[in-house]
Amino acid sequence: MRSKSKRLAIAISVIAAALVFAIIGYIVLPDTLIMQITSTGKAGTTMPKALGLAIPLAISTLFSLLYYKSGISKHFVGAAVGIVLLCLCLSLICRPPVS
């Protein structure tokens, strides 16, 4: 188990990274995010940009704080999942269109 000061540094780093990705997403992404695509290729479920970016940010923040308090590595994995979700959101939406 890591010391409490190391866990604090890790938690702050994860929250800062998630916040940076959320800010970049807020600048780059359109106002409405498509969360689900139908079988015809049209938008199924949509969500406002602020809410769509707040969910992964909240996941990362919550699990980072849990990791800091308990030191359980599963909580760190949960925090990393939030960052992965933000990265996926940015990478899938910011791709150039296929010709």
N, C-alpha and C. Protein backbone atom coordinates (compact mmCIF):
# COMPACT_ATOMS: atom_id res chain seq x y z
N MET A 1 0.84 -1.18 0.00
CA MET A 1 0.00 0.00 0.00
C MET A 1 0.89 1.25 0.00
N ARG A 2 0.52 2.21 -0.79
CA ARG A 2 1.30 3.44 -0.90
C ARG A 2 1.00 4.35 0.29
N SER A 3 1.94 5.26 0.54
CA SER A 3 1.72 6.20 1.63
C SER A 3 0.63 7.19 1.24
N LYS A 4 0.09 7.84 2.24
CA LYS A 4 -1.03 8.76 2.01
C LYS A 4 -0.61 9.94 1.13
N SER A 5 0.62 10.41 1.27
CA SER A 5 1.07 11.55 0.45
C SER A 5 1.21 11.14 -1.02
N LYS A 6 1.64 9.92 -1.29
CA LYS A 6 1.73 9.45 -2.68
C LYS A 6 0.34 9.27 -3.27
N ARG A 7 -0.58 8.74 -2.46
CA ARG A 7 -1.97 8.59 -2.94
C ARG A 7 -2.59 9.95 -3.23
N LEU A 8 -2.28 10.95 -2.41
CA LEU A 8 -2.79 12.29 -2.65
C LEU A 8 -2.25 12.85 -3.95
N ALA A 9 -0.97 12.66 -4.21
CA ALA A 9 -0.36 13.14 -5.45
C ALA A 9 -0.98 12.44 -6.67
N ILE A 10 -1.21 11.15 -6.55
CA ILE A 10 -1.82 10.40 -7.65
C ILE A 10 -3.25 10.88 -7.88
N ALA A 11 -4.01 11.05 -6.80
CA ALA A 11 -5.40 11.50 -6.93
C ALA A 11 -5.48 12.88 -7.56
N ILE A 12 -4.63 13.79 -7.13
CA ILE A 12 -4.63 15.14 -7.70
C ILE A 12 -4.23 15.09 -9.17
N SER A 13 -3.28 14.26 -9.52
CA SER A 13 -2.85 14.14 -10.93
C SER A 13 -3.97 13.60 -11.80
N VAL A 14 -4.68 12.60 -11.32
CA VAL A 14 -5.77 12.01 -12.10
C VAL A 14 -6.90 13.02 -12.26
N ILE A 15 -7.25 13.73 -11.20
CA ILE A 15 -8.32 14.73 -11.30
C ILE A 15 -7.90 15.86 -12.24
N ALA A 16 -6.64 16.28 -12.16
CA ALA A 16 -6.16 17.35 -13.06
C ALA A 16 -6.19 16.90 -14.52
N ALA A 17 -5.78 15.66 -14.78
CA ALA A 17 -5.82 15.15 -16.16
C ALA A 17 -7.25 15.08 -16.67
N ALA A 18 -8.16 14.60 -15.84
CA ALA A 18 -9.57 14.52 -16.24
C ALA A 18 -10.13 15.92 -16.49
N LEU A 19 -9.76 16.87 -15.66
CA LEU A 19 -10.23 18.24 -15.85
C LEU A 19 -9.69 18.85 -17.14
N VAL A 20 -8.44 18.58 -17.45
CA VAL A 20 -7.85 19.08 -18.70
C VAL A 20 -8.58 18.50 -19.91
N PHE A 21 -8.83 17.19 -19.89
CA PHE A 21 -9.55 16.56 -21.01
C PHE A 21 -10.98 17.11 -21.12
N ALA A 22 -11.63 17.36 -19.99
CA ALA A 22 -12.99 17.90 -20.02
C ALA A 22 -13.00 19.32 -20.58
N ILE A 23 -12.01 20.12 -20.23
CA ILE A 23 -11.93 21.48 -20.76
C ILE A 23 -11.67 21.46 -22.26
N ILE A 24 -10.75 20.60 -22.69
CA ILE A 24 -10.48 20.47 -24.13
C ILE A 24 -11.75 20.01 -24.85
N GLY A 25 -12.45 19.05 -24.27
CA GLY A 25 -13.69 18.58 -24.87
C GLY A 25 -14.74 19.66 -24.95
N TYR A 26 -14.82 20.50 -23.93
CA TYR A 26 -15.81 21.57 -23.94
C TYR A 26 -15.50 22.59 -25.04
N ILE A 27 -14.24 22.79 -25.32
CA ILE A 27 -13.84 23.74 -26.37
C ILE A 27 -14.05 23.13 -27.75
N VAL A 28 -13.70 21.86 -27.92
CA VAL A 28 -13.64 21.23 -29.24
C VAL A 28 -14.96 20.61 -29.69
N LEU A 29 -15.69 20.00 -28.79
CA LEU A 29 -16.85 19.19 -29.17
C LEU A 29 -18.08 20.06 -29.49
N PRO A 30 -19.00 19.51 -30.28
CA PRO A 30 -20.24 20.25 -30.59
C PRO A 30 -21.14 20.36 -29.36
N ASP A 31 -22.18 21.21 -29.43
CA ASP A 31 -23.05 21.45 -28.28
C ASP A 31 -23.84 20.21 -27.86
N THR A 32 -24.15 19.33 -28.80
CA THR A 32 -24.89 18.10 -28.50
C THR A 32 -24.01 16.91 -28.84
N LEU A 33 -23.84 16.02 -27.88
CA LEU A 33 -23.02 14.83 -28.09
C LEU A 33 -23.91 13.63 -28.40
N ILE A 34 -23.51 12.83 -29.35
CA ILE A 34 -24.23 11.62 -29.69
C ILE A 34 -23.68 10.50 -28.82
N MET A 35 -24.54 9.93 -27.99
CA MET A 35 -24.12 8.87 -27.08
C MET A 35 -24.41 7.49 -27.63
N GLN A 36 -25.34 7.39 -28.55
CA GLN A 36 -25.70 6.09 -29.10
C GLN A 36 -26.08 6.28 -30.57
N ILE A 37 -25.65 5.36 -31.40
CA ILE A 37 -25.96 5.42 -32.83
C ILE A 37 -26.90 4.27 -33.16
N THR A 38 -27.93 4.55 -33.95
CA THR A 38 -28.89 3.50 -34.32
C THR A 38 -28.30 2.61 -35.41
N SER A 39 -29.00 1.55 -35.74
CA SER A 39 -28.52 0.63 -36.77
C SER A 39 -28.49 1.27 -38.16
N THR A 40 -29.23 2.35 -38.34
CA THR A 40 -29.22 3.05 -39.63
C THR A 40 -28.09 4.06 -39.72
N GLY A 41 -27.38 4.27 -38.62
CA GLY A 41 -26.27 5.20 -38.61
C GLY A 41 -26.64 6.60 -38.17
N LYS A 42 -27.88 6.79 -37.76
CA LYS A 42 -28.32 8.11 -37.30
C LYS A 42 -28.17 8.21 -35.79
N ALA A 43 -28.24 9.44 -35.31
CA ALA A 43 -28.10 9.67 -33.87
C ALA A 43 -29.27 9.07 -33.12
N GLY A 44 -28.99 8.25 -32.15
CA GLY A 44 -30.03 7.65 -31.33
C GLY A 44 -30.25 8.46 -30.07
N THR A 45 -29.33 8.38 -29.15
CA THR A 45 -29.41 9.10 -27.89
C THR A 45 -28.41 10.24 -27.92
N THR A 46 -28.88 11.43 -27.61
CA THR A 46 -27.98 12.59 -27.55
C THR A 46 -27.99 13.16 -26.14
N MET A 47 -26.98 13.97 -25.86
CA MET A 47 -26.84 14.55 -24.54
C MET A 47 -26.18 15.91 -24.68
N PRO A 48 -26.55 16.88 -23.85
CA PRO A 48 -25.85 18.17 -23.89
C PRO A 48 -24.36 17.99 -23.57
N LYS A 49 -23.54 18.83 -24.17
CA LYS A 49 -22.10 18.70 -24.02
C LYS A 49 -21.67 18.77 -22.55
N ALA A 50 -22.22 19.70 -21.79
CA ALA A 50 -21.80 19.86 -20.40
C ALA A 50 -22.07 18.59 -19.59
N LEU A 51 -23.23 18.00 -19.77
CA LEU A 51 -23.56 16.77 -19.04
C LEU A 51 -22.73 15.59 -19.53
N GLY A 52 -22.53 15.51 -20.83
CA GLY A 52 -21.74 14.42 -21.40
C GLY A 52 -20.29 14.43 -20.95
N LEU A 53 -19.75 15.60 -20.68
CA LEU A 53 -18.38 15.69 -20.19
C LEU A 53 -18.31 15.63 -18.67
N ALA A 54 -19.40 16.02 -18.00
CA ALA A 54 -19.40 16.01 -16.54
C ALA A 54 -19.45 14.59 -15.97
N ILE A 55 -20.08 13.67 -16.68
CA ILE A 55 -20.20 12.30 -16.17
C ILE A 55 -18.83 11.62 -16.03
N PRO A 56 -17.99 11.58 -17.09
CA PRO A 56 -16.66 10.96 -16.89
C PRO A 56 -15.79 11.74 -15.91
N LEU A 57 -15.93 13.06 -15.87
CA LEU A 57 -15.17 13.86 -14.92
C LEU A 57 -15.58 13.50 -13.49
N ALA A 58 -16.87 13.34 -13.26
CA ALA A 58 -17.35 12.95 -11.93
C ALA A 58 -16.88 11.54 -11.56
N ILE A 59 -16.86 10.64 -12.53
CA ILE A 59 -16.38 9.27 -12.27
C ILE A 59 -14.92 9.32 -11.83
N SER A 60 -14.10 10.06 -12.57
CA SER A 60 -12.67 10.15 -12.22
C SER A 60 -12.47 10.79 -10.87
N THR A 61 -13.21 11.86 -10.59
CA THR A 61 -13.05 12.56 -9.32
C THR A 61 -13.49 11.68 -8.16
N LEU A 62 -14.64 11.05 -8.28
CA LEU A 62 -15.15 10.19 -7.21
C LEU A 62 -14.19 9.05 -6.91
N PHE A 63 -13.75 8.34 -7.94
CA PHE A 63 -12.87 7.20 -7.70
C PHE A 63 -11.48 7.64 -7.26
N SER A 64 -11.02 8.82 -7.68
CA SER A 64 -9.73 9.32 -7.18
C SER A 64 -9.81 9.60 -5.69
N LEU A 65 -10.91 10.21 -5.27
CA LEU A 65 -11.07 10.48 -3.84
C LEU A 65 -11.19 9.18 -3.04
N LEU A 66 -11.91 8.20 -3.60
CA LEU A 66 -12.00 6.90 -2.93
C LEU A 66 -10.63 6.24 -2.83
N TYR A 67 -9.83 6.35 -3.90
CA TYR A 67 -8.48 5.78 -3.87
C TYR A 67 -7.63 6.48 -2.81
N TYR A 68 -7.75 7.79 -2.73
CA TYR A 68 -6.98 8.53 -1.73
C TYR A 68 -7.36 8.10 -0.31
N LYS A 69 -8.65 7.94 -0.08
CA LYS A 69 -9.11 7.58 1.27
C LYS A 69 -8.74 6.14 1.65
N SER A 70 -8.89 5.20 0.69
CA SER A 70 -8.75 3.79 1.04
C SER A 70 -7.44 3.15 0.58
N GLY A 71 -6.91 3.61 -0.54
CA GLY A 71 -5.70 3.00 -1.08
C GLY A 71 -5.97 1.72 -1.87
N ILE A 72 -7.23 1.40 -2.11
CA ILE A 72 -7.58 0.19 -2.86
C ILE A 72 -7.35 0.46 -4.34
N SER A 73 -6.60 -0.43 -5.00
CA SER A 73 -6.23 -0.19 -6.39
C SER A 73 -7.42 -0.25 -7.34
N LYS A 74 -8.51 -0.92 -6.95
CA LYS A 74 -9.71 -0.94 -7.80
C LYS A 74 -10.27 0.46 -7.97
N HIS A 75 -10.15 1.28 -6.96
CA HIS A 75 -10.63 2.65 -7.07
C HIS A 75 -9.77 3.45 -8.06
N PHE A 76 -8.49 3.17 -8.10
CA PHE A 76 -7.63 3.83 -9.08
C PHE A 76 -8.03 3.43 -10.50
N VAL A 77 -8.36 2.17 -10.68
CA VAL A 77 -8.82 1.70 -11.99
C VAL A 77 -10.10 2.42 -12.39
N GLY A 78 -11.01 2.61 -11.45
CA GLY A 78 -12.23 3.36 -11.72
C GLY A 78 -11.95 4.78 -12.14
N ALA A 79 -10.97 5.42 -11.51
CA ALA A 79 -10.58 6.77 -11.89
C ALA A 79 -10.00 6.80 -13.29
N ALA A 80 -9.23 5.78 -13.63
CA ALA A 80 -8.64 5.70 -14.97
C ALA A 80 -9.73 5.48 -16.02
N VAL A 81 -10.78 4.76 -15.67
CA VAL A 81 -11.89 4.54 -16.61
C VAL A 81 -12.52 5.87 -17.01
N GLY A 82 -12.68 6.78 -16.06
CA GLY A 82 -13.22 8.09 -16.38
C GLY A 82 -12.37 8.84 -17.38
N ILE A 83 -11.05 8.76 -17.24
CA ILE A 83 -10.15 9.42 -18.18
C ILE A 83 -10.24 8.75 -19.55
N VAL A 84 -10.32 7.43 -19.56
CA VAL A 84 -10.45 6.71 -20.84
C VAL A 84 -11.73 7.12 -21.55
N LEU A 85 -12.82 7.27 -20.80
CA LEU A 85 -14.09 7.71 -21.41
C LEU A 85 -13.96 9.10 -22.02
N LEU A 86 -13.27 9.99 -21.33
CA LEU A 86 -13.06 11.33 -21.90
C LEU A 86 -12.21 11.27 -23.16
N CYS A 87 -11.17 10.44 -23.14
CA CYS A 87 -10.31 10.30 -24.32
C CYS A 87 -11.08 9.69 -25.49
N LEU A 88 -11.91 8.70 -25.22
CA LEU A 88 -12.73 8.11 -26.28
C LEU A 88 -13.69 9.13 -26.87
N CYS A 89 -14.28 9.90 -26.02
CA CYS A 89 -15.22 10.93 -26.49
C CYS A 89 -14.50 11.91 -27.41
N LEU A 90 -13.32 12.31 -27.04
CA LEU A 90 -12.55 13.24 -27.88
C LEU A 90 -12.05 12.58 -29.15
N SER A 91 -11.57 11.37 -29.07
CA SER A 91 -10.96 10.73 -30.24
C SER A 91 -12.00 10.30 -31.26
N LEU A 92 -13.16 9.86 -30.81
CA LEU A 92 -14.17 9.40 -31.76
C LEU A 92 -14.90 10.55 -32.44
N ILE A 93 -15.06 11.64 -31.75
CA ILE A 93 -15.79 12.76 -32.33
C ILE A 93 -14.88 13.68 -33.13
N CYS A 94 -13.63 13.75 -32.78
CA CYS A 94 -12.70 14.66 -33.45
C CYS A 94 -11.99 14.04 -34.64
N ARG A 95 -12.41 12.87 -35.06
CA ARG A 95 -11.78 12.24 -36.22
C ARG A 95 -12.20 12.96 -37.50
N PRO A 96 -11.32 13.01 -38.48
CA PRO A 96 -11.74 13.59 -39.77
C PRO A 96 -12.75 12.65 -40.44
N PRO A 97 -13.69 13.23 -41.21
CA PRO A 97 -14.68 12.38 -41.87
C PRO A 97 -14.06 11.44 -42.89
N VAL A 98 -14.67 10.26 -43.02
CA VAL A 98 -14.21 9.27 -43.97
C VAL A 98 -14.79 9.62 -45.34
N SER A 99 -13.94 9.62 -46.38
CA SER A 99 -14.40 9.99 -47.71
C SER A 99 -15.07 8.84 -48.42
